[in-house]
């Protein structure tokens, strides 16, 4: 199978699973992710929405080890694949306590990812510049740790596919 056919097959399967989380959290389907903005300079705004019609949804704040470093982005450009991810090297917390943000029913919060930021790892240290037509696969992975279960914080692995436009 050629790389292009493989990428197309993977993109098709992932496109069908947009905003569908995989994991064991009771509130698994309550978290919906949407890419709302992509800039040429490597910034992505991801909307985390509470799709529950019944209860608030908790997600870890990014200021502690439970919520930090949970994002990965796969960039597909002209049949080539590149992965960037948040890297824990050098990250330290002066006070590390499990704190969650609460998303009200029908509401959302936005997370701003800068794939050229201090805690992101890119192949060879090259800066990422998004181009029109780039396919982006955004992955948010939160493991089912004891604190998440005790504090009723969402956990799972939702994946979404977005496309870069010109900015």
Protein backbone atom coordinates (compact mmCIF):
# COMPACT_ATOMS: atom_id res chain seq x y z
CA UNK A 1 0.00 0.00 0.00
CA UNK A 2 1.46 3.36 -0.94
CA UNK A 3 1.95 6.06 1.67
CA UNK A 4 -0.73 8.23 0.07
CA UNK A 5 -3.31 5.41 0.09
CA UNK A 6 -2.43 4.63 3.70
CA UNK A 7 -2.74 8.28 4.74
CA UNK A 8 -6.07 8.59 2.91
CA UNK A 9 -7.37 5.45 4.64
CA UNK A 10 -6.24 6.66 8.06
CA UNK A 11 -7.68 10.14 7.42
CA UNK A 12 -11.01 8.63 6.37
CA UNK A 13 -11.23 6.47 9.48
CA UNK A 14 -10.21 9.36 11.73
CA UNK A 15 -12.65 11.71 10.01
CA UNK A 16 -15.42 9.32 10.99
CA UNK A 17 -14.27 9.44 14.60
CA UNK A 18 -14.05 13.22 14.99
CA UNK A 19 -15.11 14.21 18.51
CA UNK A 20 -15.57 10.57 19.51
CA UNK A 21 -13.45 9.80 22.54
CA UNK A 22 -12.02 6.38 23.27
CA UNK A 23 -11.55 5.39 26.90
CA UNK A 24 -13.37 4.35 30.02
CA UNK A 25 -14.61 7.57 31.61
CA UNK A 26 -18.34 7.68 32.37
CA UNK A 27 -18.45 11.13 30.78
CA UNK A 28 -16.57 9.88 27.72
CA UNK A 29 -18.88 11.29 25.07
CA UNK A 30 -19.43 14.53 26.95
CA UNK A 31 -16.20 16.11 25.68
CA UNK A 32 -16.21 17.38 22.10
CA UNK A 33 -13.12 18.89 20.51
CA UNK A 34 -13.16 21.28 17.56
CA UNK A 35 -10.33 23.14 15.85
CA UNK A 36 -11.56 26.75 15.67
CA UNK A 37 -8.40 28.44 14.41
CA UNK A 38 -5.06 27.56 12.81
CA UNK A 39 -2.41 30.16 12.06
CA UNK A 40 0.52 30.00 9.67
CA UNK A 41 2.88 30.57 12.62
CA UNK A 42 2.00 27.24 14.31
CA UNK A 43 -0.83 28.15 16.64
CA UNK A 44 -3.97 26.04 16.95
CA UNK A 45 -7.05 26.95 18.99
CA UNK A 46 -8.98 23.89 20.13
CA UNK A 47 -12.46 24.28 21.60
CA UNK A 48 -13.29 21.84 24.40
CA UNK A 49 -17.08 21.72 24.64
CA UNK A 50 -19.35 20.07 27.16
CA UNK A 51 -21.84 18.11 25.08
CA UNK A 52 -23.66 16.82 28.15
CA UNK A 53 -27.22 17.97 28.55
CA UNK A 54 -27.21 17.08 32.23
CA UNK A 55 -24.08 17.97 34.15
CA UNK A 56 -20.93 20.09 34.20
CA UNK A 57 -17.74 18.51 32.86
CA UNK A 58 -14.35 18.72 34.56
CA UNK A 59 -11.07 18.77 32.61
CA UNK A 60 -7.63 19.19 34.12
CA UNK A 61 -6.17 22.68 34.13
CA UNK A 62 -2.88 22.79 32.23
CA UNK A 63 -1.01 24.26 35.22
CA UNK A 64 -0.35 20.89 36.87
CA UNK A 65 1.13 17.53 35.89
CA UNK A 66 -2.31 15.96 35.46
CA UNK A 67 -3.34 18.44 32.74
CA UNK A 68 -0.05 19.58 31.22
CA UNK A 69 1.59 17.98 28.22
CA UNK A 70 -1.47 16.09 26.95
CA UNK A 71 -1.57 17.30 23.32
CA UNK A 72 -0.13 15.76 20.15
CA UNK A 73 -0.53 16.99 16.58
CA UNK A 74 0.03 14.95 13.42
CA UNK A 75 0.57 17.11 10.32
CA UNK A 76 -0.06 15.57 6.91
CA UNK A 77 1.31 17.61 4.01
CA UNK A 78 1.60 16.32 0.45
CA UNK A 79 1.77 12.69 1.58
CA UNK A 80 4.40 13.39 4.27
CA UNK A 81 3.65 12.90 7.96
CA UNK A 82 5.15 14.92 10.80
CA UNK A 83 4.31 14.59 14.49
CA UNK A 84 4.79 17.27 17.13
CA UNK A 85 4.03 16.84 20.81
CA UNK A 86 4.30 18.49 24.18
CA UNK A 87 7.52 17.32 25.81
CA UNK A 88 8.05 17.06 29.57
CA UNK A 89 11.80 17.81 29.47
CA UNK A 90 12.46 20.86 31.62
CA UNK A 91 8.93 21.22 32.94
CA UNK A 92 8.72 21.78 36.67
CA UNK A 93 5.86 22.72 38.92
CA UNK A 94 6.48 24.83 42.02
CA UNK A 95 3.23 23.58 43.55
CA UNK A 96 1.71 20.55 41.88
CA UNK A 97 -1.84 19.87 43.01
CA UNK A 98 -4.67 18.32 40.98
CA UNK A 99 -6.95 21.18 39.88
CA UNK A 100 -9.65 20.97 37.23
CA UNK A 101 -11.52 23.51 35.11
CA UNK A 102 -15.29 23.07 35.02
CA UNK A 103 -17.14 23.44 31.73
CA UNK A 104 -20.82 24.22 32.30
CA UNK A 105 -23.55 22.34 30.42
CA UNK A 106 -23.64 23.53 26.81
CA UNK A 107 -20.52 25.68 27.29
CA UNK A 108 -16.86 25.45 26.26
CA UNK A 109 -13.31 26.56 26.97
CA UNK A 110 -10.60 27.16 24.39
CA UNK A 111 -7.08 25.78 24.61
CA UNK A 112 -4.37 27.60 22.68
CA UNK A 113 -1.65 25.30 21.38
CA UNK A 114 1.59 26.78 20.04
CA UNK A 115 3.49 23.91 18.41
CA UNK A 116 6.58 26.14 18.30
CA UNK A 117 6.31 26.87 22.02
CA UNK A 118 8.83 26.12 24.73
CA UNK A 119 7.46 22.70 25.71
CA UNK A 120 6.80 21.34 22.23
CA UNK A 121 9.07 18.89 20.45
CA UNK A 122 9.51 19.05 16.69
CA UNK A 123 11.76 16.89 14.52
CA UNK A 124 15.18 18.48 14.30
CA UNK A 125 14.04 21.55 16.21
CA UNK A 126 12.61 23.08 13.02
CA UNK A 127 9.83 25.64 13.37
CA UNK A 128 6.41 24.51 12.17
CA UNK A 129 4.58 26.72 9.71
CA UNK A 130 1.16 25.53 8.67
CA UNK A 131 0.25 25.76 5.00
CA UNK A 132 -3.13 25.87 3.33
CA UNK A 133 -4.35 22.32 2.81
CA UNK A 134 -2.39 20.74 5.67
CA UNK A 135 -4.39 17.98 7.36
CA UNK A 136 -4.10 18.16 11.15
CA UNK A 137 -4.88 15.31 13.51
CA UNK A 138 -5.15 16.68 17.04
CA UNK A 139 -4.97 14.22 19.93
CA UNK A 140 -5.76 14.99 23.57
CA UNK A 141 -4.75 12.14 25.87
CA UNK A 142 -5.66 12.03 29.56
CA UNK A 143 -4.92 8.72 31.32
CA UNK A 144 -7.35 7.26 33.88
CA UNK A 145 -5.31 8.13 36.96
CA UNK A 146 -6.67 7.70 40.47
CA UNK A 147 -7.06 11.47 40.93
CA UNK A 148 -9.26 11.71 37.82
CA UNK A 149 -11.52 8.97 39.10
CA UNK A 150 -11.70 10.40 42.63
CA UNK A 151 -12.35 13.98 41.48
CA UNK A 152 -14.66 12.94 38.59
CA UNK A 153 -12.40 14.57 35.98
CA UNK A 154 -12.79 13.55 32.34
CA UNK A 155 -10.26 11.09 30.93
CA UNK A 156 -9.87 9.39 27.56
CA UNK A 157 -8.35 9.96 24.13
CA UNK A 158 -10.46 12.06 21.75
CA UNK A 159 -9.04 12.64 18.29
CA UNK A 160 -10.14 15.12 15.67
CA UNK A 161 -9.17 15.96 12.12
CA UNK A 162 -8.91 19.56 10.93
CA UNK A 163 -7.54 21.38 7.94
CA UNK A 164 -5.25 24.36 7.87
CA UNK A 165 -6.35 27.47 6.00
CA UNK A 166 -4.36 30.60 5.16
CA UNK A 167 -3.83 33.11 7.97
